[in-house]
Amino acid sequence: MAPFQNLMKVFSEIYQSHMEMVEMAKRKKQVLIDGDIDELAKITQLEARWIKKWGNWKRNERQSLANFLRTEDLSYRNSPCLIY
């Protein structure tokens, strides 16, 4: 896959995961209001898995961005708009 396409794929996956977390947060809010401890435990487990996935996505994002910048002959470290 071309570096730009790969970068866009990673960004899309991160965006989709954010949207899933927004929905999970809404569900969690209602579960807390309802006092459903069993459902809260399930959501907490899902959140823990999501956090692990998030680390992988961020690592992929950095790698994809670095690959893209290399193909465009740009420096990852010297780009003023990229702060990590």
C-alpha atoms as a PDB file:
ATOM      1  CA  MET A   1       0.000   0.000   0.000  1.00  0.00           C
ATOM      2  CA  ALA A   2       1.280   3.487  -0.828  1.00  0.00           C
ATOM      3  CA  PRO A   3       2.448   5.491   2.204  1.00  0.00           C
ATOM      4  CA  PHE A   4      -0.270   8.142   1.844  1.00  0.00           C
ATOM      5  CA  GLN A   5      -3.009   5.528   1.480  1.00  0.00           C
ATOM      6  CA  ASN A   6      -1.677   3.653   4.488  1.00  0.00           C
ATOM      7  CA  LEU A   7      -1.629   6.860   6.537  1.00  0.00           C
ATOM      8  CA  MET A   8      -5.242   7.618   5.562  1.00  0.00           C
ATOM      9  CA  LYS A   9      -6.240   4.054   6.502  1.00  0.00           C
ATOM     10  CA  VAL A  10      -4.665   4.475   9.944  1.00  0.00           C
ATOM     11  CA  PHE A  11      -6.368   7.854  10.436  1.00  0.00           C
ATOM     12  CA  SER A  12      -9.681   6.304   9.414  1.00  0.00           C
ATOM     13  CA  GLU A  13      -9.253   3.478  11.939  1.00  0.00           C
ATOM     14  CA  ILE A  14      -8.428   5.970  14.685  1.00  0.00           C
ATOM     15  CA  TYR A  15     -11.456   8.095  13.799  1.00  0.00           C
ATOM     16  CA  GLN A  16     -13.714   5.035  13.801  1.00  0.00           C
ATOM     17  CA  SER A  17     -12.364   3.979  17.188  1.00  0.00           C
ATOM     18  CA  HIS A  18     -13.087   7.445  18.558  1.00  0.00           C
ATOM     19  CA  MET A  19     -16.674   7.198  17.359  1.00  0.00           C
ATOM     20  CA  GLU A  20     -17.006   3.790  19.017  1.00  0.00           C
ATOM     21  CA  MET A  21     -15.691   5.233  22.274  1.00  0.00           C
ATOM     22  CA  VAL A  22     -18.212   8.078  22.096  1.00  0.00           C
ATOM     23  CA  GLU A  23     -21.002   5.516  21.807  1.00  0.00           C
ATOM     24  CA  MET A  24     -19.514   3.466  24.629  1.00  0.00           C
ATOM     25  CA  ALA A  25     -19.329   6.581  26.814  1.00  0.00           C
ATOM     26  CA  LYS A  26     -23.019   7.289  26.192  1.00  0.00           C
ATOM     27  CA  ARG A  27     -23.848   3.697  27.089  1.00  0.00           C
ATOM     28  CA  LYS A  28     -21.660   3.862  30.190  1.00  0.00           C
ATOM     29  CA  LYS A  29     -23.354   7.060  31.328  1.00  0.00           C
ATOM     30  CA  GLN A  30     -26.755   5.391  31.136  1.00  0.00           C
ATOM     31  CA  VAL A  31     -25.441   2.279  32.885  1.00  0.00           C
ATOM     32  CA  LEU A  32     -24.124   4.458  35.716  1.00  0.00           C
ATOM     33  CA  ILE A  33     -27.452   6.262  35.970  1.00  0.00           C
ATOM     34  CA  ASP A  34     -29.278   2.927  36.048  1.00  0.00           C
ATOM     35  CA  GLY A  35     -26.825   1.442  38.556  1.00  0.00           C
ATOM     36  CA  ASP A  36     -26.264  -1.688  36.440  1.00  0.00           C
ATOM     37  CA  ILE A  37     -23.033  -3.008  37.958  1.00  0.00           C
ATOM     38  CA  ASP A  38     -22.810  -6.097  35.721  1.00  0.00           C
ATOM     39  CA  GLU A  39     -23.059  -4.017  32.553  1.00  0.00           C
ATOM     40  CA  LEU A  40     -20.570  -1.521  33.974  1.00  0.00           C
ATOM     41  CA  ALA A  41     -18.060  -4.359  34.464  1.00  0.00           C
ATOM     42  CA  LYS A  42     -18.490  -5.393  30.817  1.00  0.00           C
ATOM     43  CA  ILE A  43     -17.946  -1.845  29.614  1.00  0.00           C
ATOM     44  CA  THR A  44     -14.853  -1.495  31.789  1.00  0.00           C
ATOM     45  CA  GLN A  45     -13.390  -4.643  30.204  1.00  0.00           C
ATOM     46  CA  LEU A  46     -14.113  -3.247  26.737  1.00  0.00           C
ATOM     47  CA  GLU A  47     -12.403   0.001  27.691  1.00  0.00           C
ATOM     48  CA  ALA A  48      -9.298  -1.874  28.830  1.00  0.00           C
ATOM     49  CA  ARG A  49      -9.100  -3.676  25.485  1.00  0.00           C
ATOM     50  CA  TRP A  50      -9.651  -0.409  23.646  1.00  0.00           C
ATOM     51  CA  ILE A  51      -6.747   1.230  25.499  1.00  0.00           C
ATOM     52  CA  LYS A  52      -4.405  -1.549  24.341  1.00  0.00           C
ATOM     53  CA  LYS A  53      -5.618  -1.160  20.759  1.00  0.00           C
ATOM     54  CA  TRP A  54      -5.202   2.602  21.033  1.00  0.00           C
ATOM     55  CA  GLY A  55      -1.489   2.183  21.741  1.00  0.00           C
ATOM     56  CA  ASN A  56      -1.124   0.078  18.598  1.00  0.00           C
ATOM     57  CA  TRP A  57      -3.023   2.626  16.491  1.00  0.00           C
ATOM     58  CA  LYS A  58      -0.865   5.473  17.742  1.00  0.00           C
ATOM     59  CA  ARG A  59       2.292   3.491  17.008  1.00  0.00           C
ATOM     60  CA  ASN A  60       0.980   2.714  13.502  1.00  0.00           C
ATOM     61  CA  GLU A  61       0.083   6.363  13.047  1.00  0.00           C
ATOM     62  CA  ARG A  62       3.625   7.500  13.866  1.00  0.00           C
ATOM     63  CA  GLN A  63       5.172   4.843  11.617  1.00  0.00           C
ATOM     64  CA  SER A  64       2.813   5.613   8.734  1.00  0.00           C
ATOM     65  CA  LEU A  65       3.388   9.330   9.086  1.00  0.00           C
ATOM     66  CA  ALA A  66       7.160   8.877   9.136  1.00  0.00           C
ATOM     67  CA  ASN A  67       6.976   6.649   6.029  1.00  0.00           C
ATOM     68  CA  PHE A  68       4.809   9.167   4.208  1.00  0.00           C
ATOM     69  CA  LEU A  69       7.103  12.068   5.077  1.00  0.00           C
ATOM     70  CA  ARG A  70      10.115  10.053   3.913  1.00  0.00           C
ATOM     71  CA  THR A  71       8.480   9.409   0.532  1.00  0.00           C
ATOM     72  CA  GLU A  72       7.756  13.134   0.204  1.00  0.00           C
ATOM     73  CA  ASP A  73      11.353  13.957   1.195  1.00  0.00           C
ATOM     74  CA  LEU A  74      10.186  15.761   4.314  1.00  0.00           C
ATOM     75  CA  SER A  75      11.683  15.550   7.748  1.00  0.00           C
ATOM     76  CA  TYR A  76       9.488  14.202  10.528  1.00  0.00           C
ATOM     77  CA  ARG A  77      11.506  15.914  13.239  1.00  0.00           C
ATOM     78  CA  ASN A  78      11.788  19.285  11.498  1.00  0.00           C
ATOM     79  CA  SER A  79       8.149  19.711  10.553  1.00  0.00           C
ATOM     80  CA  PRO A  80       6.736  22.645  12.564  1.00  0.00           C
ATOM     81  CA  CYS A  81       3.174  21.304  12.488  1.00  0.00           C
ATOM     82  CA  LEU A  82       3.993  17.851  13.868  1.00  0.00           C
ATOM     83  CA  ILE A  83       4.394  17.818  17.600  1.00  0.00           C
ATOM     84  CA  TYR A  84       4.716  14.508  19.426  1.00  0.00           C
END
